[in-house]
Amino acid sequence: MTGICDSFQRGISYLRISVTDRCNLRCIYCMPPEGVEQVPHGEILSFEEIMLVVRSAVKLGISKIRVTGGEPLVRSGIVELVRMISSVDGVKDISMTTNGVLLEKYARELVSAGLQRINISLDTLKFDRFSQITRTGTLADTLKGLQAARDAGLNPVKINVVPMQGINDDEILDFARMTLEAGWHVRFIELMPLNRAAEFIPSSVLRQRIETLGPLQPFYGIAGNGAAKYFRLPGAAGTIGFISPVSAPFCDECNRLRLSATGLLFPCLFSETGFDLKAPIRAGADAEALKRLLTAAIAAKPEKHHLAEGQRIDTKMSSIGG
């Protein structure tokens, strides 16, 4: 089995799979207050259809799978899907991104099914602010999920924080201290301009603030898929990562494709159209036909996004898994 490169000689090894457009939170930068219009159940890929894509992707050299949503843990049978994916010969890494609300319930089952790593979205450590940002959530549930993930043996457990000017930027040092006091791995992700929820804060500004706690030293020993640049504060067991899609794009290192819950394969997070896999699958496409479609999507990966030039799209994060 050999890998596959796109038109710019980037090796493509990573597939993010959104298993649902639904979520049990309504985060201000991701969803409107009323949520998104729910896609009929029959329009969502079944587990068997997802597995056809996974097996075809693996034959092209894709070896890393991330399960996302919406919120993946609201999808009925999600543990079984993880088990199915982990059983595919050639899948070397399987991870998940979640808001953590249901993780206390599922963490040990997910590990038993083969999940190796997990990212948990958490934008505030204040109970009242958590309810404001998520509109429906309770911080206690996510904190319990965070601890359950660590107790279950998921490694690393990464905390994803989206800093927003005037909303949670006063907590940057609190999150950074979590890497010192409890050894958590915290990643700060620049807010992308998919809506006008808040102003993004450049990673360089965050780094300056955090270095009031001590000098940040580069760190290269944490498992992941390339987007984050990692550092450590002196004496910290945990790490601090910066993901900077706006201020310091990493497009030249992009190794991923994104499969939406409805079967659209996006070559780039900012692609306005996706390659329809659902229709061919339901028309009886075999593995070779799917490989051709995957290859076409890889060939269509753009060299870079154009956020710096004012690019905006209407795609909702909840539909393509961020």
Protein backbone atom coordinates (compact mmCIF):
# COMPACT_ATOMS: atom_id res chain seq x y z
CA MET A 1 0.00 0.00 0.00
CA THR A 2 1.43 3.40 -0.95
CA GLY A 3 0.40 6.88 0.01
CA ILE A 4 -1.08 9.50 -2.29
CA CYS A 5 -0.11 13.12 -2.86
CA ASP A 6 -2.15 16.04 -4.09
CA SER A 7 -1.19 18.42 -6.90
CA PHE A 8 1.19 20.26 -4.57
CA GLN A 9 3.03 17.12 -3.40
CA ARG A 10 1.43 17.10 0.01
CA GLY A 11 0.96 13.57 1.32
CA ILE A 12 -2.70 12.93 2.16
CA SER A 13 -3.01 10.59 5.13
CA TYR A 14 -5.85 11.93 7.28
CA LEU A 15 -9.64 11.71 6.94
CA ARG A 16 -12.02 13.57 9.25
CA ILE A 17 -15.47 11.98 9.32
CA SER A 18 -18.50 13.94 10.51
CA VAL A 19 -21.02 11.37 11.69
CA THR A 20 -23.87 13.76 12.45
CA ASP A 21 -24.91 17.37 11.90
CA ARG A 22 -26.61 17.41 15.32
CA CYS A 23 -25.22 18.70 18.58
CA ASN A 24 -26.36 18.99 22.18
CA LEU A 25 -24.78 22.47 22.48
CA ARG A 26 -25.31 25.72 20.54
CA CYS A 27 -21.88 27.35 20.72
CA ILE A 28 -21.98 30.95 19.57
CA TYR A 29 -19.27 30.56 16.89
CA CYS A 30 -20.66 27.31 15.51
CA MET A 31 -24.47 27.38 15.54
CA PRO A 32 -27.34 29.87 15.69
CA PRO A 33 -29.38 29.86 18.91
CA GLU A 34 -32.09 27.68 17.41
CA GLY A 35 -29.56 25.21 16.02
CA VAL A 36 -29.26 24.20 12.39
CA GLU A 37 -32.03 22.70 10.32
CA GLN A 38 -31.73 18.98 10.93
CA VAL A 39 -31.03 16.78 7.96
CA PRO A 40 -33.48 13.87 7.60
CA HIS A 41 -32.08 10.64 8.98
CA GLY A 42 -32.14 8.97 5.59
CA GLU A 43 -29.79 11.61 4.18
CA ILE A 44 -27.08 10.80 6.73
CA LEU A 45 -24.51 8.17 5.80
CA SER A 46 -25.07 4.85 7.52
CA PHE A 47 -22.19 3.16 9.33
CA GLU A 48 -21.89 0.67 6.48
CA GLU A 49 -21.60 3.53 3.97
CA ILE A 50 -19.00 5.28 6.10
CA MET A 51 -17.01 2.06 6.24
CA LEU A 52 -17.01 1.78 2.43
CA VAL A 53 -15.35 5.19 2.33
CA VAL A 54 -12.88 4.30 5.08
CA ARG A 55 -11.79 1.10 3.38
CA SER A 56 -11.36 2.85 0.04
CA ALA A 57 -9.42 5.68 1.68
CA VAL A 58 -7.10 3.26 3.45
CA LYS A 59 -6.28 1.61 0.14
CA LEU A 60 -5.02 5.00 -1.05
CA GLY A 61 -2.74 5.35 1.95
CA ILE A 62 -4.93 7.24 4.41
CA SER A 63 -4.13 5.85 7.85
CA LYS A 64 -5.47 8.43 10.33
CA ILE A 65 -9.19 8.79 11.03
CA ARG A 66 -10.87 11.40 13.22
CA VAL A 67 -14.55 11.06 14.14
CA THR A 68 -16.33 14.41 14.50
CA GLY A 69 -19.77 15.97 14.23
CA GLY A 70 -21.80 18.06 15.13
CA GLU A 71 -21.28 16.20 18.34
CA PRO A 72 -20.30 12.60 17.53
CA LEU A 73 -21.45 11.16 20.85
CA VAL A 74 -25.09 11.98 20.08
CA ARG A 75 -24.97 9.54 17.14
CA SER A 76 -26.60 6.29 18.19
CA GLY A 77 -24.16 3.38 18.07
CA ILE A 78 -21.06 5.56 17.91
CA VAL A 79 -19.00 3.11 19.96
CA GLU A 80 -19.68 0.39 17.41
CA LEU A 81 -18.58 2.67 14.56
CA VAL A 82 -15.28 3.30 16.35
CA ARG A 83 -14.89 -0.45 16.74
CA MET A 84 -15.56 -0.97 13.03
CA ILE A 85 -13.03 1.65 11.99
CA SER A 86 -10.34 0.42 14.36
CA SER A 87 -10.68 -3.09 12.95
CA VAL A 88 -9.68 -1.99 9.42
CA ASP A 89 -6.20 -3.11 8.53
CA GLY A 90 -4.21 0.02 7.72
CA VAL A 91 -5.92 2.38 10.17
CA LYS A 92 -3.05 3.34 12.45
CA ASP A 93 -4.64 6.17 14.40
CA ILE A 94 -8.25 6.81 15.38
CA SER A 95 -9.27 9.87 17.35
CA MET A 96 -12.34 11.95 18.14
CA THR A 97 -13.32 15.57 18.71
CA THR A 98 -16.17 16.10 21.20
CA ASN A 99 -17.64 18.70 23.50
CA GLY A 100 -17.28 16.19 26.32
CA VAL A 101 -20.85 16.44 27.60
CA LEU A 102 -21.51 12.70 27.15
CA LEU A 103 -17.94 11.53 27.55
CA GLU A 104 -18.24 10.39 31.15
CA LYS A 105 -20.75 7.81 29.91
CA TYR A 106 -18.77 6.61 26.88
CA ALA A 107 -15.05 7.07 27.59
CA ARG A 108 -14.23 3.53 28.71
CA GLU A 109 -16.35 1.95 25.98
CA LEU A 110 -14.63 4.07 23.35
CA VAL A 111 -11.21 2.99 24.57
CA SER A 112 -12.30 -0.65 24.50
CA ALA A 113 -13.53 -0.12 20.94
CA GLY A 114 -10.13 1.18 19.84
CA LEU A 115 -10.20 4.96 20.26
CA GLN A 116 -6.68 6.21 20.97
CA ARG A 117 -6.85 9.99 21.37
CA ILE A 118 -9.46 12.64 22.03
CA ASN A 119 -9.84 16.42 21.71
CA ILE A 120 -12.36 18.12 23.98
CA SER A 121 -13.72 21.56 23.16
CA LEU A 122 -13.75 23.80 26.23
CA ASP A 123 -13.76 27.59 25.87
CA THR A 124 -14.18 28.69 29.47
CA LEU A 125 -13.63 27.50 33.03
CA LYS A 126 -16.39 29.72 34.42
CA PHE A 127 -19.75 28.07 35.00
CA ASP A 128 -21.93 31.04 34.05
CA ARG A 129 -19.83 31.86 30.99
CA PHE A 130 -19.96 28.26 29.81
CA SER A 131 -23.73 28.50 29.70
CA GLN A 132 -23.49 31.78 27.77
CA ILE A 133 -21.04 30.46 25.16
CA THR A 134 -22.74 27.09 24.67
CA ARG A 135 -26.26 28.44 25.27
CA THR A 136 -27.44 25.05 26.58
CA GLY A 137 -24.54 23.40 28.33
CA THR A 138 -23.32 22.80 31.87
CA LEU A 139 -19.60 23.07 32.59
CA ALA A 140 -19.73 20.27 35.16
CA ASP A 141 -20.64 17.74 32.47
CA THR A 142 -17.66 18.61 30.30
CA LEU A 143 -15.26 18.64 33.25
CA LYS A 144 -16.47 15.17 34.23
CA GLY A 145 -15.97 14.03 30.65
CA LEU A 146 -12.47 15.46 30.63
CA GLN A 147 -11.48 13.51 33.73
CA ALA A 148 -13.22 10.37 32.47
CA ALA A 149 -11.17 10.51 29.27
CA ARG A 150 -7.94 10.66 31.25
CA ASP A 151 -9.05 7.92 33.64
CA ALA A 152 -10.01 5.67 30.72
CA GLY A 153 -6.49 5.88 29.31
CA LEU A 154 -6.99 8.10 26.28
CA ASN A 155 -3.63 9.68 25.53
CA PRO A 156 -3.20 12.46 24.85
CA VAL A 157 -6.35 14.23 25.98
CA LYS A 158 -6.24 17.66 24.36
CA ILE A 159 -8.34 20.63 25.39
CA ASN A 160 -9.35 22.84 22.44
CA VAL A 161 -9.90 26.50 23.35
CA VAL A 162 -11.16 29.13 20.90
CA PRO A 163 -10.10 32.52 22.33
CA MET A 164 -12.55 35.32 21.54
CA GLN A 165 -11.92 38.99 22.11
CA GLY A 166 -14.04 40.32 24.97
CA ILE A 167 -15.66 36.95 25.64
CA ASN A 168 -13.12 34.56 27.16
CA ASP A 169 -9.72 36.16 26.51
CA ASP A 170 -9.37 36.97 30.21
CA GLU A 171 -9.00 33.21 30.86
CA ILE A 172 -5.97 32.56 28.67
CA LEU A 173 -3.59 32.32 31.63
CA ASP A 174 -6.02 30.13 33.54
CA PHE A 175 -5.93 27.60 30.71
CA ALA A 176 -2.16 27.87 30.40
CA ARG A 177 -1.81 27.12 34.12
CA MET A 178 -3.70 23.85 33.59
CA THR A 179 -0.59 22.55 31.82
CA LEU A 180 1.45 23.34 34.93
CA GLU A 181 -0.85 22.30 37.73
CA ALA A 182 -2.52 19.23 36.27
CA GLY A 183 -0.52 18.32 33.17
CA TRP A 184 -3.30 18.91 30.65
CA HIS A 185 -2.55 19.54 26.97
CA VAL A 186 -4.20 22.83 25.98
CA ARG A 187 -4.51 24.09 22.40
CA PHE A 188 -5.54 27.60 21.46
CA ILE A 189 -7.31 27.71 18.08
CA GLU A 190 -7.77 30.98 16.24
CA LEU A 191 -11.42 31.78 15.59
CA MET A 192 -12.11 31.43 11.89
CA PRO A 193 -14.35 33.97 10.11
CA LEU A 194 -17.33 31.73 9.43
CA ASN A 195 -19.63 34.12 11.23
CA ARG A 196 -19.39 37.31 13.27
CA ALA A 197 -19.60 35.79 16.74
CA ALA A 198 -16.48 37.60 17.96
CA GLU A 199 -13.08 38.95 16.96
CA PHE A 200 -10.25 36.45 16.67
CA ILE A 201 -7.03 36.88 18.63
CA PRO A 202 -3.76 36.09 16.80
CA SER A 203 -1.69 33.30 18.28
CA SER A 204 1.26 35.69 18.59
CA VAL A 205 -0.74 37.83 21.02
CA LEU A 206 -1.74 34.77 23.05
CA ARG A 207 1.86 33.63 23.22
CA GLN A 208 3.01 37.01 24.53
CA ARG A 209 0.42 36.83 27.31
CA ILE A 210 1.29 33.27 28.26
CA GLU A 211 4.99 34.01 28.43
CA THR A 212 4.32 36.21 31.43
CA LEU A 213 4.17 32.83 33.20
CA GLY A 214 7.58 31.81 31.82
CA PRO A 215 9.39 31.20 28.53
CA LEU A 216 7.71 28.80 26.13
CA GLN A 217 10.02 26.08 24.85
CA PRO A 218 9.22 24.18 21.61
CA PHE A 219 7.96 20.65 22.19
CA TYR A 220 7.78 17.93 19.54
CA GLY A 221 6.71 14.81 21.39
CA ILE A 222 2.90 14.92 21.30
CA ALA A 223 0.82 12.78 18.95
CA GLY A 224 -1.26 14.66 16.42
CA ASN A 225 -1.83 15.49 12.79
CA GLY A 226 0.34 18.50 12.19
CA ALA A 227 -1.71 21.67 12.54
CA ALA A 228 -0.57 22.73 16.02
CA LYS A 229 2.78 24.10 17.10
CA TYR A 230 3.49 22.86 20.64
CA PHE A 231 5.39 24.42 23.54
CA ARG A 232 5.95 23.85 27.24
CA LEU A 233 6.24 26.18 30.18
CA PRO A 234 9.15 25.44 32.52
CA GLY A 235 8.29 22.52 34.77
CA ALA A 236 5.02 21.72 33.02
CA ALA A 237 3.92 18.15 32.43
CA GLY A 238 1.38 19.32 29.86
CA THR A 239 1.82 21.28 26.65
CA ILE A 240 0.45 24.43 25.05
CA GLY A 241 -0.42 24.31 21.37
CA PHE A 242 -1.27 27.06 18.92
CA ILE A 243 -3.36 26.45 15.80
CA SER A 244 -3.21 29.56 13.63
CA PRO A 245 -5.28 29.17 10.45
CA VAL A 246 -5.81 32.93 10.13
CA SER A 247 -2.54 34.57 11.18
CA ALA A 248 -0.10 31.81 10.17
CA PRO A 249 -1.80 29.39 7.73
CA PHE A 250 -0.43 25.87 7.60
CA CYS A 251 -1.88 25.00 4.19
CA ASP A 252 1.49 23.84 2.89
CA GLU A 253 1.35 21.03 5.47
CA CYS A 254 -2.32 20.07 5.04
CA ASN A 255 -2.73 16.30 4.87
CA ARG A 256 -6.49 15.96 5.28
CA LEU A 257 -9.86 15.42 3.67
CA ARG A 258 -13.25 15.97 5.31
CA LEU A 259 -16.31 13.77 4.89
CA SER A 260 -19.58 15.39 5.86
CA ALA A 261 -22.41 13.51 7.55
CA THR A 262 -24.37 13.65 4.29
CA GLY A 263 -21.58 12.13 2.21
CA LEU A 264 -19.88 15.17 0.72
CA LEU A 265 -16.10 14.93 0.59
CA PHE A 266 -14.41 18.32 1.01
CA PRO A 267 -10.79 18.74 -0.13
CA CYS A 268 -10.44 21.81 2.12
CA LEU A 269 -12.25 23.23 5.14
CA PHE A 270 -13.03 26.27 2.99
CA SER A 271 -14.19 24.37 -0.10
CA GLU A 272 -17.62 25.66 -1.11
CA THR A 273 -18.60 22.41 -2.79
CA GLY A 274 -17.87 18.80 -1.98
CA PHE A 275 -17.58 15.60 -3.99
CA ASP A 276 -20.78 13.60 -3.60
CA LEU A 277 -19.98 10.07 -2.41
CA LYS A 278 -23.42 9.19 -1.11
CA ALA A 279 -25.18 9.05 -4.48
CA PRO A 280 -22.57 6.74 -6.07
CA ILE A 281 -22.52 4.53 -2.98
CA ARG A 282 -26.29 4.17 -3.00
CA ALA A 283 -26.17 3.47 -6.73
CA GLY A 284 -23.87 0.52 -6.08
CA ALA A 285 -20.39 2.02 -6.58
CA ASP A 286 -17.63 -0.45 -5.76
CA ALA A 287 -14.35 0.20 -3.98
CA GLU A 288 -12.53 1.09 -7.19
CA ALA A 289 -15.14 3.69 -8.12
CA LEU A 290 -14.87 5.23 -4.65
CA LYS A 291 -11.07 5.28 -4.92
CA ARG A 292 -11.40 7.25 -8.16
CA LEU A 293 -13.68 9.78 -6.48
CA LEU A 294 -11.32 10.10 -3.53
CA THR A 295 -8.41 10.57 -5.92
CA ALA A 296 -10.31 13.30 -7.76
CA ALA A 297 -11.02 15.10 -4.48
CA ILE A 298 -7.36 14.91 -3.51
CA ALA A 299 -6.36 16.32 -6.90
CA ALA A 300 -8.79 19.20 -6.33
CA LYS A 301 -7.20 20.32 -3.04
CA PRO A 302 -6.36 24.01 -3.40
CA GLU A 303 -2.88 25.25 -2.67
CA LYS A 304 -4.17 27.44 0.16
CA HIS A 305 -7.19 29.24 1.56
CA HIS A 306 -7.69 32.96 1.06
CA LEU A 307 -8.72 34.22 4.49
CA ALA A 308 -6.11 36.96 4.32
CA GLU A 309 -7.77 38.24 1.15
CA GLY A 310 -11.18 38.34 2.81
CA GLN A 311 -12.49 34.90 1.85
CA ARG A 312 -15.80 34.08 3.50
CA ILE A 313 -18.05 31.07 3.02
CA ASP A 314 -21.45 30.07 4.32
CA THR A 315 -20.46 26.55 5.31
CA LYS A 316 -21.45 25.74 8.90
CA MET A 317 -18.78 24.15 11.10
CA SER A 318 -21.33 21.69 12.43
CA SER A 319 -21.83 20.18 8.97
CA ILE A 320 -18.17 19.37 8.21
CA GLY A 321 -16.65 18.75 11.60
CA GLY A 322 -14.42 21.81 11.87
